[in-house]
Amino acid sequence: MAWIVLIISGLLEAVWATALGKSEGLSKLTPSIVFVIAIIASMAGLAYATRTLPIGTAYAVWVGVGAVLTIGYAMVTGVESISIIKIVLLLMIVAGIVGLKLLHD
């Protein structure tokens, strides 16, 4: 259960990071509200996951999932350029996350 919550928390990290960018320094109301709700839920999920997972592993997975999804979303929406090297590097992050999961079991 901790792994599922951790992955969802990583997804929420991507939500709050994207909302923060769209809030223009917390000056736009709707993205600012999304940011606050998502960051609280994301942190709560990370805290829950660390009850059973080592903090280093949990944090690395949380950040990795959030980073990959944030960059992936930016690439799909055209905010970030797409290149083969970026995709390979993102896949390396995903491989690291999978490796941490496999080593934990």
N, C-alpha and C. Protein backbone atom coordinates (compact mmCIF):
# COMPACT_ATOMS: atom_id res chain seq x y z
N MET A 1 0.82 -1.21 0.00
CA MET A 1 0.00 0.00 0.00
C MET A 1 0.87 1.27 0.00
N ALA A 2 1.98 1.21 0.73
CA ALA A 2 2.86 2.39 0.81
C ALA A 2 3.39 2.77 -0.57
N TRP A 3 3.69 1.79 -1.41
CA TRP A 3 4.21 2.08 -2.75
C TRP A 3 3.16 2.75 -3.61
N ILE A 4 1.92 2.29 -3.50
CA ILE A 4 0.84 2.90 -4.28
C ILE A 4 0.64 4.35 -3.87
N VAL A 5 0.60 4.58 -2.55
CA VAL A 5 0.44 5.94 -2.04
C VAL A 5 1.62 6.81 -2.48
N LEU A 6 2.81 6.24 -2.46
CA LEU A 6 4.01 6.99 -2.86
C LEU A 6 3.95 7.40 -4.33
N ILE A 7 3.52 6.50 -5.20
CA ILE A 7 3.41 6.82 -6.63
C ILE A 7 2.35 7.90 -6.84
N ILE A 8 1.21 7.79 -6.15
CA ILE A 8 0.17 8.82 -6.26
C ILE A 8 0.70 10.15 -5.75
N SER A 9 1.47 10.12 -4.68
CA SER A 9 2.06 11.35 -4.14
C SER A 9 3.04 11.97 -5.14
N GLY A 10 3.79 11.13 -5.85
CA GLY A 10 4.67 11.63 -6.90
C GLY A 10 3.89 12.28 -8.02
N LEU A 11 2.77 11.68 -8.38
CA LEU A 11 1.88 12.27 -9.39
C LEU A 11 1.38 13.63 -8.90
N LEU A 12 1.02 13.71 -7.64
CA LEU A 12 0.56 14.99 -7.08
C LEU A 12 1.68 16.02 -7.03
N GLU A 13 2.92 15.54 -6.92
CA GLU A 13 4.05 16.48 -6.97
C GLU A 13 4.10 17.14 -8.34
N ALA A 14 3.86 16.35 -9.38
CA ALA A 14 3.82 16.92 -10.73
C ALA A 14 2.68 17.91 -10.87
N VAL A 15 1.54 17.61 -10.23
CA VAL A 15 0.39 18.52 -10.28
C VAL A 15 0.75 19.85 -9.62
N TRP A 16 1.33 19.77 -8.39
CA TRP A 16 1.61 21.05 -7.71
C TRP A 16 2.72 21.82 -8.39
N ALA A 17 3.71 21.12 -8.96
CA ALA A 17 4.78 21.83 -9.66
C ALA A 17 4.24 22.55 -10.89
N THR A 18 3.38 21.87 -11.63
CA THR A 18 2.78 22.48 -12.81
C THR A 18 1.86 23.64 -12.42
N ALA A 19 1.05 23.44 -11.38
CA ALA A 19 0.15 24.50 -10.91
C ALA A 19 0.94 25.71 -10.42
N LEU A 20 2.07 25.46 -9.77
CA LEU A 20 2.90 26.57 -9.30
C LEU A 20 3.38 27.41 -10.47
N GLY A 21 3.80 26.75 -11.53
CA GLY A 21 4.24 27.49 -12.73
C GLY A 21 3.11 28.29 -13.36
N LYS A 22 1.92 27.68 -13.40
CA LYS A 22 0.77 28.36 -14.00
C LYS A 22 0.19 29.46 -13.12
N SER A 23 0.54 29.44 -11.82
CA SER A 23 -0.01 30.45 -10.89
C SER A 23 0.69 31.80 -11.02
N GLU A 24 1.80 31.83 -11.76
CA GLU A 24 2.58 33.06 -11.94
C GLU A 24 2.90 33.71 -10.59
N GLY A 25 3.62 32.96 -9.77
CA GLY A 25 4.02 33.48 -8.46
C GLY A 25 2.86 33.56 -7.47
N LEU A 26 1.94 32.62 -7.58
CA LEU A 26 0.74 32.55 -6.73
C LEU A 26 -0.17 33.78 -6.91
N SER A 27 -0.12 34.39 -8.09
CA SER A 27 -0.95 35.57 -8.34
C SER A 27 -2.27 35.22 -9.03
N LYS A 28 -2.39 33.99 -9.55
CA LYS A 28 -3.64 33.54 -10.17
C LYS A 28 -4.33 32.58 -9.21
N LEU A 29 -5.59 32.84 -8.94
CA LEU A 29 -6.31 32.13 -7.88
C LEU A 29 -6.45 30.63 -8.12
N THR A 30 -7.00 30.21 -9.24
CA THR A 30 -7.27 28.78 -9.44
C THR A 30 -6.01 27.92 -9.41
N PRO A 31 -4.96 28.26 -10.16
CA PRO A 31 -3.75 27.44 -10.06
C PRO A 31 -3.13 27.49 -8.66
N SER A 32 -3.29 28.60 -7.95
CA SER A 32 -2.76 28.70 -6.59
C SER A 32 -3.49 27.76 -5.64
N ILE A 33 -4.81 27.65 -5.80
CA ILE A 33 -5.59 26.73 -4.97
C ILE A 33 -5.20 25.28 -5.29
N VAL A 34 -5.08 24.97 -6.58
CA VAL A 34 -4.65 23.62 -6.97
C VAL A 34 -3.27 23.32 -6.38
N PHE A 35 -2.37 24.28 -6.45
CA PHE A 35 -1.02 24.12 -5.88
C PHE A 35 -1.09 23.77 -4.40
N VAL A 36 -1.83 24.54 -3.62
CA VAL A 36 -1.89 24.32 -2.17
C VAL A 36 -2.49 22.96 -1.84
N ILE A 37 -3.59 22.61 -2.48
CA ILE A 37 -4.23 21.31 -2.21
C ILE A 37 -3.32 20.16 -2.61
N ALA A 38 -2.71 20.26 -3.79
CA ALA A 38 -1.85 19.18 -4.28
C ALA A 38 -0.59 19.03 -3.44
N ILE A 39 0.01 20.14 -2.99
CA ILE A 39 1.24 20.00 -2.21
C ILE A 39 0.95 19.41 -0.83
N ILE A 40 -0.18 19.76 -0.24
CA ILE A 40 -0.54 19.18 1.06
C ILE A 40 -0.80 17.68 0.90
N ALA A 41 -1.57 17.30 -0.11
CA ALA A 41 -1.87 15.88 -0.33
C ALA A 41 -0.60 15.11 -0.69
N SER A 42 0.28 15.70 -1.49
CA SER A 42 1.51 15.05 -1.89
C SER A 42 2.43 14.81 -0.69
N MET A 43 2.58 15.81 0.14
CA MET A 43 3.42 15.68 1.34
C MET A 43 2.83 14.67 2.33
N ALA A 44 1.51 14.68 2.46
CA ALA A 44 0.85 13.74 3.37
C ALA A 44 1.07 12.30 2.89
N GLY A 45 0.98 12.10 1.58
CA GLY A 45 1.23 10.77 1.03
C GLY A 45 2.67 10.34 1.22
N LEU A 46 3.61 11.25 1.03
CA LEU A 46 5.02 10.94 1.26
C LEU A 46 5.23 10.58 2.72
N ALA A 47 4.64 11.34 3.62
CA ALA A 47 4.77 11.06 5.05
C ALA A 47 4.20 9.68 5.39
N TYR A 48 3.06 9.36 4.81
CA TYR A 48 2.45 8.04 5.04
C TYR A 48 3.38 6.92 4.55
N ALA A 49 3.93 7.09 3.35
CA ALA A 49 4.79 6.06 2.78
C ALA A 49 6.04 5.84 3.61
N THR A 50 6.55 6.89 4.25
CA THR A 50 7.78 6.74 5.03
C THR A 50 7.55 6.02 6.35
N ARG A 51 6.30 5.70 6.66
CA ARG A 51 6.05 4.86 7.84
C ARG A 51 6.60 3.46 7.64
N THR A 52 6.62 3.00 6.38
CA THR A 52 7.10 1.64 6.12
C THR A 52 8.28 1.59 5.15
N LEU A 53 8.51 2.64 4.40
CA LEU A 53 9.64 2.67 3.47
C LEU A 53 10.75 3.55 4.02
N PRO A 54 12.00 3.22 3.72
CA PRO A 54 13.10 4.10 4.15
C PRO A 54 12.93 5.49 3.52
N ILE A 55 13.27 6.52 4.26
CA ILE A 55 13.08 7.89 3.79
C ILE A 55 13.86 8.16 2.51
N GLY A 56 15.07 7.65 2.40
CA GLY A 56 15.87 7.89 1.20
C GLY A 56 15.23 7.30 -0.03
N THR A 57 14.76 6.08 0.07
CA THR A 57 14.08 5.42 -1.05
C THR A 57 12.79 6.15 -1.39
N ALA A 58 11.99 6.42 -0.37
CA ALA A 58 10.70 7.08 -0.59
C ALA A 58 10.89 8.45 -1.24
N TYR A 59 11.85 9.21 -0.75
CA TYR A 59 12.07 10.55 -1.29
C TYR A 59 12.56 10.49 -2.73
N ALA A 60 13.49 9.56 -3.01
CA ALA A 60 14.01 9.43 -4.38
C ALA A 60 12.90 9.05 -5.35
N VAL A 61 12.03 8.14 -4.96
CA VAL A 61 10.93 7.71 -5.82
C VAL A 61 9.95 8.86 -6.01
N TRP A 62 9.61 9.55 -4.92
CA TRP A 62 8.67 10.67 -4.96
C TRP A 62 9.15 11.76 -5.90
N VAL A 63 10.40 12.14 -5.75
CA VAL A 63 10.99 13.19 -6.60
C VAL A 63 11.10 12.70 -8.04
N GLY A 64 11.52 11.46 -8.22
CA GLY A 64 11.68 10.93 -9.57
C GLY A 64 10.38 10.88 -10.33
N VAL A 65 9.33 10.35 -9.69
CA VAL A 65 8.02 10.29 -10.34
C VAL A 65 7.54 11.69 -10.67
N GLY A 66 7.66 12.60 -9.70
CA GLY A 66 7.22 13.97 -9.92
C GLY A 66 7.98 14.65 -11.05
N ALA A 67 9.28 14.46 -11.08
CA ALA A 67 10.10 15.09 -12.12
C ALA A 67 9.77 14.54 -13.51
N VAL A 68 9.69 13.23 -13.63
CA VAL A 68 9.40 12.62 -14.92
C VAL A 68 8.03 13.08 -15.43
N LEU A 69 7.03 13.07 -14.57
CA LEU A 69 5.69 13.48 -14.99
C LEU A 69 5.61 14.98 -15.30
N THR A 70 6.30 15.79 -14.51
CA THR A 70 6.30 17.23 -14.76
C THR A 70 6.94 17.55 -16.11
N ILE A 71 8.09 16.95 -16.37
CA ILE A 71 8.77 17.20 -17.64
C ILE A 71 7.98 16.59 -18.80
N GLY A 72 7.45 15.39 -18.59
CA GLY A 72 6.64 14.75 -19.63
C GLY A 72 5.44 15.59 -20.01
N TYR A 73 4.75 16.13 -19.02
CA TYR A 73 3.59 16.99 -19.28
C TYR A 73 4.03 18.25 -20.04
N ALA A 74 5.14 18.84 -19.62
CA ALA A 74 5.64 20.04 -20.30
C ALA A 74 6.02 19.75 -21.74
N MET A 75 6.55 18.56 -22.00
CA MET A 75 6.89 18.19 -23.36
C MET A 75 5.63 18.00 -24.21
N VAL A 76 4.64 17.33 -23.66
CA VAL A 76 3.41 17.07 -24.39
C VAL A 76 2.67 18.36 -24.71
N THR A 77 2.71 19.32 -23.79
CA THR A 77 1.99 20.58 -24.00
C THR A 77 2.81 21.61 -24.78
N GLY A 78 4.05 21.29 -25.10
CA GLY A 78 4.86 22.18 -25.91
C GLY A 78 5.64 23.23 -25.12
N VAL A 79 5.56 23.18 -23.82
CA VAL A 79 6.30 24.14 -22.98
C VAL A 79 7.79 23.79 -22.98
N GLU A 80 8.08 22.51 -23.04
CA GLU A 80 9.46 22.01 -23.05
C GLU A 80 9.70 21.32 -24.39
N SER A 81 10.89 21.51 -24.94
CA SER A 81 11.20 20.85 -26.21
C SER A 81 11.39 19.35 -25.99
N ILE A 82 11.13 18.59 -27.06
CA ILE A 82 11.28 17.14 -27.00
C ILE A 82 12.54 16.76 -27.77
N SER A 83 13.33 15.88 -27.17
CA SER A 83 14.48 15.34 -27.87
C SER A 83 14.69 13.90 -27.41
N ILE A 84 15.37 13.15 -28.24
CA ILE A 84 15.65 11.75 -27.92
C ILE A 84 16.47 11.66 -26.64
N ILE A 85 17.45 12.52 -26.48
CA ILE A 85 18.31 12.47 -25.30
C ILE A 85 17.49 12.74 -24.02
N LYS A 86 16.55 13.67 -24.08
CA LYS A 86 15.71 13.94 -22.90
C LYS A 86 14.86 12.72 -22.57
N ILE A 87 14.32 12.08 -23.60
CA ILE A 87 13.49 10.90 -23.37
C ILE A 87 14.34 9.77 -22.76
N VAL A 88 15.53 9.57 -23.28
CA VAL A 88 16.43 8.55 -22.74
C VAL A 88 16.76 8.85 -21.28
N LEU A 89 17.05 10.10 -20.98
CA LEU A 89 17.38 10.47 -19.60
C LEU A 89 16.17 10.27 -18.66
N LEU A 90 14.98 10.60 -19.13
CA LEU A 90 13.77 10.37 -18.32
C LEU A 90 13.55 8.87 -18.10
N LEU A 91 13.81 8.07 -19.13
CA LEU A 91 13.69 6.62 -18.98
C LEU A 91 14.71 6.08 -17.98
N MET A 92 15.87 6.71 -17.90
CA MET A 92 16.87 6.32 -16.90
C MET A 92 16.37 6.60 -15.49
N ILE A 93 15.67 7.71 -15.31
CA ILE A 93 15.08 8.01 -14.00
C ILE A 93 14.04 6.95 -13.66
N VAL A 94 13.20 6.61 -14.62
CA VAL A 94 12.18 5.57 -14.40
C VAL A 94 12.86 4.24 -14.06
N ALA A 95 13.92 3.90 -14.76
CA ALA A 95 14.66 2.67 -14.47
C ALA A 95 15.21 2.69 -13.04
N GLY A 96 15.68 3.83 -12.60
CA GLY A 96 16.16 3.96 -11.23
C GLY A 96 15.06 3.75 -10.21
N ILE A 97 13.88 4.28 -10.50
CA ILE A 97 12.73 4.11 -9.61
C ILE A 97 12.35 2.63 -9.53
N VAL A 98 12.28 1.98 -10.69
CA VAL A 98 11.95 0.54 -10.72
C VAL A 98 13.03 -0.24 -9.97
N GLY A 99 14.28 0.12 -10.16
CA GLY A 99 15.38 -0.56 -9.45
C GLY A 99 15.25 -0.42 -7.94
N LEU A 100 14.89 0.77 -7.46
CA LEU A 100 14.72 0.96 -6.03
C LEU A 100 13.58 0.10 -5.50
N LYS A 101 12.51 -0.01 -6.28
CA LYS A 101 11.37 -0.86 -5.88
C LYS A 101 11.81 -2.32 -5.79
N LEU A 102 12.52 -2.77 -6.81
CA LEU A 102 12.96 -4.18 -6.83
C LEU A 102 13.94 -4.49 -5.71
N LEU A 103 14.82 -3.57 -5.41
CA LEU A 103 15.78 -3.78 -4.33
C LEU A 103 15.10 -3.77 -2.95
N HIS A 104 14.03 -3.00 -2.84
CA HIS A 104 13.34 -2.92 -1.55
C HIS A 104 12.63 -4.24 -1.24
N ASP A 105 12.10 -4.89 -2.25
CA ASP A 105 11.40 -6.16 -2.04
C ASP A 105 12.41 -7.23 -1.76
